[in-house]
Amino acid sequence: RVPFLWIVDPIDGTSNFVHQIPGFTVSIALACRGELVLGVIYDP
């Protein structure tokens, strides 16, 4: 029932980050009333 919900994982792959292994990402999605409408994934 929420009109706009941002769903965020600030570091997906924290163990990779801690061990300085590439493959950690920023993940951001937007859902409108439970339906996913956009997604962004950034690999630093």
PDB file of all heavy atoms in Angstrom:
ATOM      1  N   ARG A   1       0.816  -1.211   0.000  1.00  0.00           N
ATOM      2  CA  ARG A   1       0.000   0.000   0.000  1.00  0.00           C
ATOM      3  C   ARG A   1       0.854   1.268   0.000  1.00  0.00           C
ATOM      4  O   ARG A   1       0.320   2.374  -0.090  1.00  0.00           O
ATOM      5  CB  ARG A   1      -0.935   0.001   1.212  1.00  0.00           C
ATOM      6  CG  ARG A   1      -1.877  -1.184   1.261  1.00  0.00           C
ATOM      7  CD  ARG A   1      -3.039  -0.953   2.204  1.00  0.00           C
ATOM      8  NE  ARG A   1      -2.630  -0.734   3.583  1.00  0.00           N
ATOM      9  CZ  ARG A   1      -2.470  -1.712   4.479  1.00  0.00           C
ATOM     10  NH1 ARG A   1      -2.684  -2.982   4.121  1.00  0.00           N
ATOM     11  NH2 ARG A   1      -2.099  -1.456   5.711  1.00  0.00           N
ATOM     12  N   VAL A   2       2.168   1.116   0.117  1.00  0.00           N
ATOM     13  CA  VAL A   2       3.061   2.269   0.134  1.00  0.00           C
ATOM     14  C   VAL A   2       3.242   2.776  -1.298  1.00  0.00           C
ATOM     15  O   VAL A   2       3.685   2.025  -2.174  1.00  0.00           O
ATOM     16  CB  VAL A   2       4.435   1.893   0.734  1.00  0.00           C
ATOM     17  CG1 VAL A   2       5.412   3.049   0.614  1.00  0.00           C
ATOM     18  CG2 VAL A   2       4.281   1.482   2.184  1.00  0.00           C
ATOM     19  N   PRO A   3       2.915   4.042  -1.563  1.00  0.00           N
ATOM     20  CA  PRO A   3       3.036   4.547  -2.942  1.00  0.00           C
ATOM     21  C   PRO A   3       4.447   4.458  -3.501  1.00  0.00           C
ATOM     22  O   PRO A   3       4.644   4.090  -4.656  1.00  0.00           O
ATOM     23  CB  PRO A   3       2.567   6.005  -2.816  1.00  0.00           C
ATOM     24  CG  PRO A   3       1.701   6.031  -1.608  1.00  0.00           C
ATOM     25  CD  PRO A   3       2.302   5.033  -0.660  1.00  0.00           C
ATOM     26  N   PHE A   4       5.460   4.807  -2.668  1.00  0.00           N
ATOM     27  CA  PHE A   4       6.844   4.759  -3.131  1.00  0.00           C
ATOM     28  C   PHE A   4       7.728   4.216  -2.010  1.00  0.00           C
ATOM     29  O   PHE A   4       7.783   4.805  -0.921  1.00  0.00           O
ATOM     30  CB  PHE A   4       7.344   6.151  -3.538  1.00  0.00           C
ATOM     31  CG  PHE A   4       6.642   6.735  -4.724  1.00  0.00           C
ATOM     32  CD1 PHE A   4       5.607   7.646  -4.541  1.00  0.00           C
ATOM     33  CD2 PHE A   4       6.998   6.368  -6.015  1.00  0.00           C
ATOM     34  CE1 PHE A   4       4.947   8.188  -5.629  1.00  0.00           C
ATOM     35  CE2 PHE A   4       6.343   6.896  -7.107  1.00  0.00           C
ATOM     36  CZ  PHE A   4       5.315   7.809  -6.914  1.00  0.00           C
ATOM     37  N   LEU A   5       8.410   3.105  -2.291  1.00  0.00           N
ATOM     38  CA  LEU A   5       9.313   2.492  -1.319  1.00  0.00           C
ATOM     39  C   LEU A   5      10.670   2.264  -1.981  1.00  0.00           C
ATOM     40  O   LEU A   5      10.780   1.510  -2.950  1.00  0.00           O
ATOM     41  CB  LEU A   5       8.759   1.151  -0.829  1.00  0.00           C
ATOM     42  CG  LEU A   5       9.697   0.331   0.055  1.00  0.00           C
ATOM     43  CD1 LEU A   5       9.991   1.050   1.369  1.00  0.00           C
ATOM     44  CD2 LEU A   5       9.110  -1.059   0.328  1.00  0.00           C
ATOM     45  N   TRP A   6      11.693   2.925  -1.450  1.00  0.00           N
ATOM     46  CA  TRP A   6      13.064   2.712  -1.917  1.00  0.00           C
ATOM     47  C   TRP A   6      13.666   1.542  -1.140  1.00  0.00           C
ATOM     48  O   TRP A   6      13.609   1.511   0.086  1.00  0.00           O
ATOM     49  CB  TRP A   6      13.900   3.972  -1.707  1.00  0.00           C
ATOM     50  CG  TRP A   6      13.468   5.115  -2.573  1.00  0.00           C
ATOM     51  CD1 TRP A   6      12.549   6.079  -2.270  1.00  0.00           C
ATOM     52  CD2 TRP A   6      13.927   5.397  -3.901  1.00  0.00           C
ATOM     53  NE1 TRP A   6      12.405   6.947  -3.323  1.00  0.00           N
ATOM     54  CE2 TRP A   6      13.240   6.563  -4.344  1.00  0.00           C
ATOM     55  CE3 TRP A   6      14.845   4.804  -4.756  1.00  0.00           C
ATOM     56  CZ2 TRP A   6      13.447   7.122  -5.586  1.00  0.00           C
ATOM     57  CZ3 TRP A   6      15.045   5.356  -6.019  1.00  0.00           C
ATOM     58  CH2 TRP A   6      14.360   6.511  -6.425  1.00  0.00           C
ATOM     59  N   ILE A   7      14.244   0.592  -1.877  1.00  0.00           N
ATOM     60  CA  ILE A   7      14.812  -0.625  -1.286  1.00  0.00           C
ATOM     61  C   ILE A   7      16.307  -0.620  -1.584  1.00  0.00           C
ATOM     62  O   ILE A   7      16.710  -0.663  -2.756  1.00  0.00           O
ATOM     63  CB  ILE A   7      14.140  -1.883  -1.867  1.00  0.00           C
ATOM     64  CG1 ILE A   7      12.616  -1.824  -1.654  1.00  0.00           C
ATOM     65  CG2 ILE A   7      14.718  -3.143  -1.241  1.00  0.00           C
ATOM     66  CD1 ILE A   7      11.848  -2.875  -2.427  1.00  0.00           C
ATOM     67  N   VAL A   8      17.126  -0.591  -0.534  1.00  0.00           N
ATOM     68  CA  VAL A   8      18.544  -0.277  -0.709  1.00  0.00           C
ATOM     69  C   VAL A   8      19.432  -1.293   0.008  1.00  0.00           C
ATOM     70  O   VAL A   8      19.209  -1.615   1.180  1.00  0.00           O
ATOM     71  CB  VAL A   8      18.837   1.135  -0.145  1.00  0.00           C
ATOM     72  CG1 VAL A   8      20.335   1.422  -0.133  1.00  0.00           C
ATOM     73  CG2 VAL A   8      18.092   2.187  -0.962  1.00  0.00           C
ATOM     74  N   ASP A   9      20.433  -1.778  -0.705  1.00  0.00           N
ATOM     75  CA  ASP A   9      21.556  -2.484  -0.083  1.00  0.00           C
ATOM     76  C   ASP A   9      22.786  -1.624  -0.342  1.00  0.00           C
ATOM     77  O   ASP A   9      23.264  -1.533  -1.475  1.00  0.00           O
ATOM     78  CB  ASP A   9      21.734  -3.870  -0.688  1.00  0.00           C
ATOM     79  CG  ASP A   9      22.663  -4.744   0.153  1.00  0.00           C
ATOM     80  OD1 ASP A   9      23.439  -4.186   0.936  1.00  0.00           O
ATOM     81  OD2 ASP A   9      22.596  -5.981   0.033  1.00  0.00           O
ATOM     82  N   PRO A  10      23.314  -0.958   0.695  1.00  0.00           N
ATOM     83  CA  PRO A  10      24.418  -0.017   0.460  1.00  0.00           C
ATOM     84  C   PRO A  10      25.702  -0.695  -0.010  1.00  0.00           C
ATOM     85  O   PRO A  10      26.441  -0.129  -0.814  1.00  0.00           O
ATOM     86  CB  PRO A  10      24.603   0.650   1.821  1.00  0.00           C
ATOM     87  CG  PRO A  10      24.068  -0.349   2.806  1.00  0.00           C
ATOM     88  CD  PRO A  10      22.931  -1.031   2.105  1.00  0.00           C
ATOM     89  N   ILE A  11      25.977  -1.887   0.523  1.00  0.00           N
ATOM     90  CA  ILE A  11      27.077  -2.711   0.005  1.00  0.00           C
ATOM     91  C   ILE A  11      26.579  -4.143  -0.055  1.00  0.00           C
ATOM     92  O   ILE A  11      26.481  -4.816   0.976  1.00  0.00           O
ATOM     93  CB  ILE A  11      28.344  -2.640   0.879  1.00  0.00           C
ATOM     94  CG1 ILE A  11      28.820  -1.205   1.105  1.00  0.00           C
ATOM     95  CG2 ILE A  11      29.456  -3.461   0.217  1.00  0.00           C
ATOM     96  CD1 ILE A  11      30.081  -1.097   1.967  1.00  0.00           C
ATOM     97  N   ASP A  12      26.256  -4.619  -1.233  1.00  0.00           N
ATOM     98  CA  ASP A  12      25.932  -6.031  -1.401  1.00  0.00           C
ATOM     99  C   ASP A  12      27.237  -6.737  -1.746  1.00  0.00           C
ATOM    100  O   ASP A  12      27.813  -6.495  -2.810  1.00  0.00           O
ATOM    101  CB  ASP A  12      24.898  -6.231  -2.510  1.00  0.00           C
ATOM    102  CG  ASP A  12      24.445  -7.672  -2.568  1.00  0.00           C
ATOM    103  OD1 ASP A  12      24.078  -8.214  -1.513  1.00  0.00           O
ATOM    104  OD2 ASP A  12      24.478  -8.268  -3.663  1.00  0.00           O
ATOM    105  N   GLY A  13      27.679  -7.576  -0.834  1.00  0.00           N
ATOM    106  CA  GLY A  13      28.998  -8.182  -0.972  1.00  0.00           C
ATOM    107  C   GLY A  13      29.972  -7.582   0.023  1.00  0.00           C
ATOM    108  O   GLY A  13      31.139  -7.324  -0.302  1.00  0.00           O
ATOM    109  N   THR A  14      29.498  -7.372   1.263  1.00  0.00           N
ATOM    110  CA  THR A  14      30.357  -6.769   2.289  1.00  0.00           C
ATOM    111  C   THR A  14      31.612  -7.597   2.544  1.00  0.00           C
ATOM    112  O   THR A  14      32.694  -7.045   2.775  1.00  0.00           O
ATOM    113  CB  THR A  14      29.572  -6.571   3.596  1.00  0.00           C
ATOM    114  OG1 THR A  14      28.484  -5.673   3.351  1.00  0.00           O
ATOM    115  CG2 THR A  14      30.445  -5.992   4.689  1.00  0.00           C
ATOM    116  N   SER A  15      31.491  -8.929   2.504  1.00  0.00           N
ATOM    117  CA  SER A  15      32.688  -9.763   2.726  1.00  0.00           C
ATOM    118  C   SER A  15      33.736  -9.502   1.653  1.00  0.00           C
ATOM    119  O   SER A  15      34.944  -9.468   1.947  1.00  0.00           O
ATOM    120  CB  SER A  15      32.303 -11.245   2.745  1.00  0.00           C
ATOM    121  OG  SER A  15      31.539 -11.550   3.894  1.00  0.00           O
ATOM    122  N   ASN A  16      33.313  -9.313   0.408  1.00  0.00           N
ATOM    123  CA  ASN A  16      34.262  -8.945  -0.647  1.00  0.00           C
ATOM    124  C   ASN A  16      34.940  -7.625  -0.303  1.00  0.00           C
ATOM    125  O   ASN A  16      36.166  -7.485  -0.426  1.00  0.00           O
ATOM    126  CB  ASN A  16      33.539  -8.815  -1.993  1.00  0.00           C
ATOM    127  CG  ASN A  16      33.234 -10.150  -2.632  1.00  0.00           C
ATOM    128  OD1 ASN A  16      33.566 -11.197  -2.101  1.00  0.00           O
ATOM    129  ND2 ASN A  16      32.575 -10.114  -3.779  1.00  0.00           N
ATOM    130  N   PHE A  17      34.140  -6.647   0.111  1.00  0.00           N
ATOM    131  CA  PHE A  17      34.692  -5.336   0.462  1.00  0.00           C
ATOM    132  C   PHE A  17      35.710  -5.459   1.586  1.00  0.00           C
ATOM    133  O   PHE A  17      36.820  -4.906   1.504  1.00  0.00           O
ATOM    134  CB  PHE A  17      33.547  -4.400   0.866  1.00  0.00           C
ATOM    135  CG  PHE A  17      34.012  -3.069   1.393  1.00  0.00           C
ATOM    136  CD1 PHE A  17      34.476  -2.092   0.528  1.00  0.00           C
ATOM    137  CD2 PHE A  17      33.991  -2.798   2.759  1.00  0.00           C
ATOM    138  CE1 PHE A  17      34.922  -0.862   1.022  1.00  0.00           C
ATOM    139  CE2 PHE A  17      34.427  -1.590   3.258  1.00  0.00           C
ATOM    140  CZ  PHE A  17      34.898  -0.609   2.383  1.00  0.00           C
ATOM    141  N   VAL A  18      35.373  -6.202   2.635  1.00  0.00           N
ATOM    142  CA  VAL A  18      36.261  -6.348   3.791  1.00  0.00           C
ATOM    143  C   VAL A  18      37.584  -6.990   3.388  1.00  0.00           C
ATOM    144  O   VAL A  18      38.653  -6.610   3.878  1.00  0.00           O
ATOM    145  CB  VAL A  18      35.555  -7.161   4.897  1.00  0.00           C
ATOM    146  CG1 VAL A  18      36.537  -7.590   5.982  1.00  0.00           C
ATOM    147  CG2 VAL A  18      34.407  -6.358   5.505  1.00  0.00           C
ATOM    148  N   HIS A  19      37.512  -7.958   2.480  1.00  0.00           N
ATOM    149  CA  HIS A  19      38.723  -8.667   2.054  1.00  0.00           C
ATOM    150  C   HIS A  19      39.363  -8.054   0.804  1.00  0.00           C
ATOM    151  O   HIS A  19      40.282  -8.623   0.230  1.00  0.00           O
ATOM    152  CB  HIS A  19      38.391 -10.147   1.805  1.00  0.00           C
ATOM    153  CG  HIS A  19      38.042 -10.890   3.057  1.00  0.00           C
ATOM    154  ND1 HIS A  19      38.998 -11.385   3.902  1.00  0.00           N
ATOM    155  CD2 HIS A  19      36.849 -11.182   3.619  1.00  0.00           C
ATOM    156  CE1 HIS A  19      38.416 -11.972   4.935  1.00  0.00           C
ATOM    157  NE2 HIS A  19      37.105 -11.863   4.791  1.00  0.00           N
ATOM    158  N   GLN A  20      38.850  -6.881   0.404  1.00  0.00           N
ATOM    159  CA  GLN A  20      39.373  -6.135  -0.748  1.00  0.00           C
ATOM    160  C   GLN A  20      39.365  -6.973  -2.027  1.00  0.00           C
ATOM    161  O   GLN A  20      40.307  -6.955  -2.821  1.00  0.00           O
ATOM    162  CB  GLN A  20      40.767  -5.582  -0.452  1.00  0.00           C
ATOM    163  CG  GLN A  20      40.769  -4.577   0.692  1.00  0.00           C
ATOM    164  CD  GLN A  20      42.071  -3.810   0.813  1.00  0.00           C
ATOM    165  OE1 GLN A  20      43.119  -4.248   0.339  1.00  0.00           O
ATOM    166  NE2 GLN A  20      42.012  -2.649   1.431  1.00  0.00           N
ATOM    167  N   ILE A  21      38.266  -7.687  -2.215  1.00  0.00           N
ATOM    168  CA  ILE A  21      38.041  -8.476  -3.427  1.00  0.00           C
ATOM    169  C   ILE A  21      36.981  -7.764  -4.261  1.00  0.00           C
ATOM    170  O   ILE A  21      35.912  -7.425  -3.739  1.00  0.00           O
ATOM    171  CB  ILE A  21      37.573  -9.895  -3.076  1.00  0.00           C
ATOM    172  CG1 ILE A  21      38.660 -10.635  -2.293  1.00  0.00           C
ATOM    173  CG2 ILE A  21      37.183 -10.671  -4.327  1.00  0.00           C
ATOM    174  CD1 ILE A  21      38.207 -11.962  -1.724  1.00  0.00           C
ATOM    175  N   PRO A  22      37.202  -7.503  -5.529  1.00  0.00           N
ATOM    176  CA  PRO A  22      36.172  -6.859  -6.353  1.00  0.00           C
ATOM    177  C   PRO A  22      34.884  -7.682  -6.366  1.00  0.00           C
ATOM    178  O   PRO A  22      34.907  -8.909  -6.229  1.00  0.00           O
ATOM    179  CB  PRO A  22      36.810  -6.824  -7.744  1.00  0.00           C
ATOM    180  CG  PRO A  22      38.288  -6.876  -7.492  1.00  0.00           C
ATOM    181  CD  PRO A  22      38.447  -7.750  -6.275  1.00  0.00           C
ATOM    182  N   GLY A  23      33.769  -6.981  -6.542  1.00  0.00           N
ATOM    183  CA  GLY A  23      32.493  -7.671  -6.614  1.00  0.00           C
ATOM    184  C   GLY A  23      31.513  -7.215  -5.555  1.00  0.00           C
ATOM    185  O   GLY A  23      30.516  -7.884  -5.301  1.00  0.00           O
ATOM    186  N   PHE A  24      31.750  -6.055  -4.932  1.00  0.00           N
ATOM    187  CA  PHE A  24      30.773  -5.466  -4.023  1.00  0.00           C
ATOM    188  C   PHE A  24      30.027  -4.366  -4.779  1.00  0.00           C
ATOM    189  O   PHE A  24      30.600  -3.682  -5.627  1.00  0.00           O
ATOM    190  CB  PHE A  24      31.446  -4.928  -2.758  1.00  0.00           C
ATOM    191  CG  PHE A  24      32.661  -4.073  -3.012  1.00  0.00           C
ATOM    192  CD1 PHE A  24      32.550  -2.705  -3.199  1.00  0.00           C
ATOM    193  CD2 PHE A  24      33.924  -4.650  -3.076  1.00  0.00           C
ATOM    194  CE1 PHE A  24      33.666  -1.919  -3.436  1.00  0.00           C
ATOM    195  CE2 PHE A  24      35.048  -3.874  -3.312  1.00  0.00           C
ATOM    196  CZ  PHE A  24      34.916  -2.511  -3.499  1.00  0.00           C
ATOM    197  N   THR A  25      28.754  -4.217  -4.495  1.00  0.00           N
ATOM    198  CA  THR A  25      27.920  -3.324  -5.293  1.00  0.00           C
ATOM    199  C   THR A  25      27.006  -2.472  -4.417  1.00  0.00           C
ATOM    200  O   THR A  25      26.723  -2.804  -3.265  1.00  0.00           O
ATOM    201  CB  THR A  25      27.025  -4.117  -6.262  1.00  0.00           C
ATOM    202  OG1 THR A  25      26.191  -4.997  -5.502  1.00  0.00           O
ATOM    203  CG2 THR A  25      27.844  -4.923  -7.252  1.00  0.00           C
ATOM    204  N   VAL A  26      26.530  -1.396  -5.008  1.00  0.00           N
ATOM    205  CA  VAL A  26      25.441  -0.599  -4.454  1.00  0.00           C
ATOM    206  C   VAL A  26      24.179  -0.986  -5.220  1.00  0.00           C
ATOM    207  O   VAL A  26      24.169  -0.983  -6.454  1.00  0.00           O
ATOM    208  CB  VAL A  26      25.702   0.906  -4.627  1.00  0.00           C
ATOM    209  CG1 VAL A  26      24.545   1.720  -4.044  1.00  0.00           C
ATOM    210  CG2 VAL A  26      27.029   1.304  -3.994  1.00  0.00           C
ATOM    211  N   SER A  27      23.114  -1.331  -4.490  1.00  0.00           N
ATOM    212  CA  SER A  27      21.874  -1.780  -5.121  1.00  0.00           C
ATOM    213  C   SER A  27      20.716  -0.913  -4.637  1.00  0.00           C
ATOM    214  O   SER A  27      20.469  -0.810  -3.430  1.00  0.00           O
ATOM    215  CB  SER A  27      21.611  -3.255  -4.770  1.00  0.00           C
ATOM    216  OG  SER A  27      20.393  -3.688  -5.327  1.00  0.00           O
ATOM    217  N   ILE A  28      20.005  -0.295  -5.586  1.00  0.00           N
ATOM    218  CA  ILE A  28      18.897   0.608  -5.271  1.00  0.00           C
ATOM    219  C   ILE A  28      17.717   0.269  -6.168  1.00  0.00           C
ATOM    220  O   ILE A  28      17.862   0.190  -7.389  1.00  0.00           O
ATOM    221  CB  ILE A  28      19.293   2.082  -5.486  1.00  0.00           C
ATOM    222  CG1 ILE A  28      20.482   2.462  -4.592  1.00  0.00           C
ATOM    223  CG2 ILE A  28      18.106   3.012  -5.215  1.00  0.00           C
ATOM    224  CD1 ILE A  28      21.045   3.848  -4.874  1.00  0.00           C
ATOM    225  N   ALA A  29      16.557   0.048  -5.569  1.00  0.00           N
ATOM    226  CA  ALA A  29      15.336  -0.227  -6.336  1.00  0.00           C
ATOM    227  C   ALA A  29      14.212   0.649  -5.808  1.00  0.00           C
ATOM    228  O   ALA A  29      14.243   1.113  -4.666  1.00  0.00           O
ATOM    229  CB  ALA A  29      14.955  -1.700  -6.228  1.00  0.00           C
ATOM    230  N   LEU A  30      13.206   0.844  -6.637  1.00  0.00           N
ATOM    231  CA  LEU A  30      12.013   1.586  -6.245  1.00  0.00           C
ATOM    232  C   LEU A  30      10.795   0.720  -6.540  1.00  0.00           C
ATOM    233  O   LEU A  30      10.645   0.195  -7.658  1.00  0.00           O
ATOM    234  CB  LEU A  30      11.909   2.901  -7.010  1.00  0.00           C
ATOM    235  CG  LEU A  30      10.675   3.768  -6.727  1.00  0.00           C
ATOM    236  CD1 LEU A  30      10.634   4.212  -5.271  1.00  0.00           C
ATOM    237  CD2 LEU A  30      10.637   4.977  -7.662  1.00  0.00           C
ATOM    238  N   ALA A  31       9.946   0.563  -5.523  1.00  0.00           N
ATOM    239  CA  ALA A  31       8.686  -0.177  -5.683  1.00  0.00           C
ATOM    240  C   ALA A  31       7.518   0.784  -5.470  1.00  0.00           C
ATOM    241  O   ALA A  31       7.556   1.638  -4.578  1.00  0.00           O
ATOM    242  CB  ALA A  31       8.606  -1.325  -4.679  1.00  0.00           C
ATOM    243  N   CYS A  32       6.508   0.629  -6.286  1.00  0.00           N
ATOM    244  CA  CYS A  32       5.280   1.411  -6.164  1.00  0.00           C
ATOM    245  C   CYS A  32       4.142   0.452  -5.832  1.00  0.00           C
ATOM    246  O   CYS A  32       3.784  -0.390  -6.659  1.00  0.00           O
ATOM    247  CB  CYS A  32       4.978   2.170  -7.447  1.00  0.00           C
ATOM    248  SG  CYS A  32       6.220   3.410  -7.853  1.00  0.00           S
ATOM    249  N   ARG A  33       3.623   0.567  -4.603  1.00  0.00           N
ATOM    250  CA  ARG A  33       2.575  -0.327  -4.108  1.00  0.00           C
ATOM    251  C   ARG A  33       2.934  -1.798  -4.355  1.00  0.00           C
ATOM    252  O   ARG A  33       2.134  -2.589  -4.821  1.00  0.00           O
ATOM    253  CB  ARG A  33       1.230   0.046  -4.716  1.00  0.00           C
ATOM    254  CG  ARG A  33       0.708   1.379  -4.216  1.00  0.00           C
ATOM    255  CD  ARG A  33      -0.694   1.707  -4.690  1.00  0.00           C
ATOM    256  NE  ARG A  33      -1.214   2.826  -3.923  1.00  0.00           N
ATOM    257  CZ  ARG A  33      -0.966   4.123  -4.184  1.00  0.00           C
ATOM    258  NH1 ARG A  33      -0.204   4.439  -5.214  1.00  0.00           N
ATOM    259  NH2 ARG A  33      -1.472   5.079  -3.425  1.00  0.00           N
ATOM    260  N   GLY A  34       4.170  -2.127  -4.030  1.00  0.00           N
ATOM    261  CA  GLY A  34       4.624  -3.504  -4.111  1.00  0.00           C
ATOM    262  C   GLY A  34       5.121  -3.952  -5.460  1.00  0.00           C
ATOM    263  O   GLY A  34       5.615  -5.071  -5.594  1.00  0.00           O
ATOM    264  N   GLU A  35       5.046  -3.100  -6.470  1.00  0.00           N
ATOM    265  CA  GLU A  35       5.525  -3.455  -7.804  1.00  0.00           C
ATOM    266  C   GLU A  35       6.858  -2.760  -8.061  1.00  0.00           C
ATOM    267  O   GLU A  35       6.961  -1.528  -7.967  1.00  0.00           O
ATOM    268  CB  GLU A  35       4.523  -3.042  -8.875  1.00  0.00           C
ATOM    269  CG  GLU A  35       4.977  -3.387 -10.280  1.00  0.00           C
ATOM    270  CD  GLU A  35       4.010  -2.925 -11.352  1.00  0.00           C
ATOM    271  OE1 GLU A  35       3.096  -2.135 -11.040  1.00  0.00           O
ATOM    272  OE2 GLU A  35       4.166  -3.364 -12.514  1.00  0.00           O
ATOM    273  N   LEU A  36       7.874  -3.545  -8.400  1.00  0.00           N
ATOM    274  CA  LEU A  36       9.179  -2.969  -8.697  1.00  0.00           C
ATOM    275  C   LEU A  36       9.127  -2.215 -10.022  1.00  0.00           C
ATOM    276  O   LEU A  36       8.695  -2.763 -11.041  1.00  0.00           O
ATOM    277  CB  LEU A  36      10.236  -4.064  -8.762  1.00  0.00           C
ATOM    278  CG  LEU A  36      10.559  -4.746  -7.435  1.00  0.00           C
ATOM    279  CD1 LEU A  36      11.423  -5.984  -7.669  1.00  0.00           C
ATOM    280  CD2 LEU A  36      11.242  -3.781  -6.483  1.00  0.00           C
ATOM    281  N   VAL A  37       9.595  -0.961 -10.006  1.00  0.00           N
ATOM    282  CA  VAL A  37       9.511  -0.144 -11.223  1.00  0.00           C
ATOM    283  C   VAL A  37      10.874   0.311 -11.727  1.00  0.00           C
ATOM    284  O   VAL A  37      10.987   0.717 -12.885  1.00  0.00           O
ATOM    285  CB  VAL A  37       8.596   1.069 -11.014  1.00  0.00           C
ATOM    286  CG1 VAL A  37       7.163   0.618 -10.753  1.00  0.00           C
ATOM    287  CG2 VAL A  37       9.085   1.963  -9.870  1.00  0.00           C
ATOM    288  N   LEU A  38      11.902   0.267 -10.890  1.00  0.00           N
ATOM    289  CA  LEU A  38      13.238   0.579 -11.395  1.00  0.00           C
ATOM    290  C   LEU A  38      14.281  -0.070 -10.501  1.00  0.00           C
ATOM    291  O   LEU A  38      14.046  -0.341  -9.328  1.00  0.00           O
ATOM    292  CB  LEU A  38      13.479   2.083 -11.516  1.00  0.00           C
ATOM    293  CG  LEU A  38      13.627   2.960 -10.276  1.00  0.00           C
ATOM    294  CD1 LEU A  38      15.045   2.918  -9.690  1.00  0.00           C
ATOM    295  CD2 LEU A  38      13.296   4.402 -10.626  1.00  0.00           C
ATOM    296  N   GLY A  39      15.446  -0.315 -11.098  1.00  0.00           N
ATOM    297  CA  GLY A  39      16.563  -0.880 -10.362  1.00  0.00           C
ATOM    298  C   GLY A  39      17.875  -0.335 -10.886  1.00  0.00           C
ATOM    299  O   GLY A  39      18.039  -0.170 -12.106  1.00  0.00           O
ATOM    300  N   VAL A  40      18.794  -0.055  -9.976  1.00  0.00           N
ATOM    301  CA  VAL A  40      20.131   0.435 -10.323  1.00  0.00           C
ATOM    302  C   VAL A  40      21.147  -0.364  -9.515  1.00  0.00           C
ATOM    303  O   VAL A  40      20.994  -0.523  -8.295  1.00  0.00           O
ATOM    304  CB  VAL A  40      20.274   1.939 -10.016  1.00  0.00           C
ATOM    305  CG1 VAL A  40      21.720   2.392 -10.238  1.00  0.00           C
ATOM    306  CG2 VAL A  40      19.323   2.764 -10.869  1.00  0.00           C
ATOM    307  N   ILE A  41      22.176  -0.861 -10.177  1.00  0.00           N
ATOM    308  CA  ILE A  41      23.265  -1.583  -9.516  1.00  0.00           C
ATOM    309  C   ILE A  41      24.580  -0.983  -9.995  1.00  0.00           C
ATOM    310  O   ILE A  41      24.833  -0.910 -11.205  1.00  0.00           O
ATOM    311  CB  ILE A  41      23.221  -3.087  -9.833  1.00  0.00           C
ATOM    312  CG1 ILE A  41      21.944  -3.716  -9.250  1.00  0.00           C
ATOM    313  CG2 ILE A  41      24.457  -3.801  -9.288  1.00  0.00           C
ATOM    314  CD1 ILE A  41      21.703  -5.145  -9.688  1.00  0.00           C
ATOM    315  N   TYR A  42      25.396  -0.566  -9.050  1.00  0.00           N
ATOM    316  CA  TYR A  42      26.684   0.033  -9.388  1.00  0.00           C
ATOM    317  C   TYR A  42      27.808  -0.801  -8.801  1.00  0.00           C
ATOM    318  O   TYR A  42      27.800  -1.139  -7.613  1.00  0.00           O
ATOM    319  CB  TYR A  42      26.768   1.467  -8.859  1.00  0.00           C
ATOM    320  CG  TYR A  42      28.091   2.139  -9.144  1.00  0.00           C
ATOM    321  CD1 TYR A  42      28.625   2.146 -10.431  1.00  0.00           C
ATOM    322  CD2 TYR A  42      28.813   2.759  -8.128  1.00  0.00           C
ATOM    323  CE1 TYR A  42      29.839   2.762 -10.700  1.00  0.00           C
ATOM    324  CE2 TYR A  42      30.036   3.384  -8.379  1.00  0.00           C
ATOM    325  CZ  TYR A  42      30.539   3.375  -9.677  1.00  0.00           C
ATOM    326  OH  TYR A  42      31.749   3.973  -9.941  1.00  0.00           O
ATOM    327  N   ASP A  43      28.768  -1.140  -9.644  1.00  0.00           N
ATOM    328  CA  ASP A  43      29.953  -1.901  -9.250  1.00  0.00           C
ATOM    329  C   ASP A  43      31.131  -0.926  -9.197  1.00  0.00           C
ATOM    330  O   ASP A  43      31.704  -0.582 -10.234  1.00  0.00           O
ATOM    331  CB  ASP A  43      30.204  -3.009 -10.270  1.00  0.00           C
ATOM    332  CG  ASP A  43      31.453  -3.826  -9.966  1.00  0.00           C
ATOM    333  OD1 ASP A  43      32.190  -3.477  -9.020  1.00  0.00           O
ATOM    334  OD2 ASP A  43      31.692  -4.825 -10.676  1.00  0.00           O
ATOM    335  N   PRO A  44      31.506  -0.445  -8.005  1.00  0.00           N
ATOM    336  CA  PRO A  44      32.590   0.537  -7.928  1.00  0.00           C
ATOM    337  C   PRO A  44      33.935   0.023  -8.424  1.00  0.00           C
ATOM    338  O   PRO A  44      34.767   0.818  -8.880  1.00  0.00           O
ATOM    339  CB  PRO A  44      32.663   0.867  -6.424  1.00  0.00           C
ATOM    340  CG  PRO A  44      31.344   0.464  -5.865  1.00  0.00           C
ATOM    341  CD  PRO A  44      30.923  -0.730  -6.681  1.00  0.00           C
TER     342      PRO A  44
END
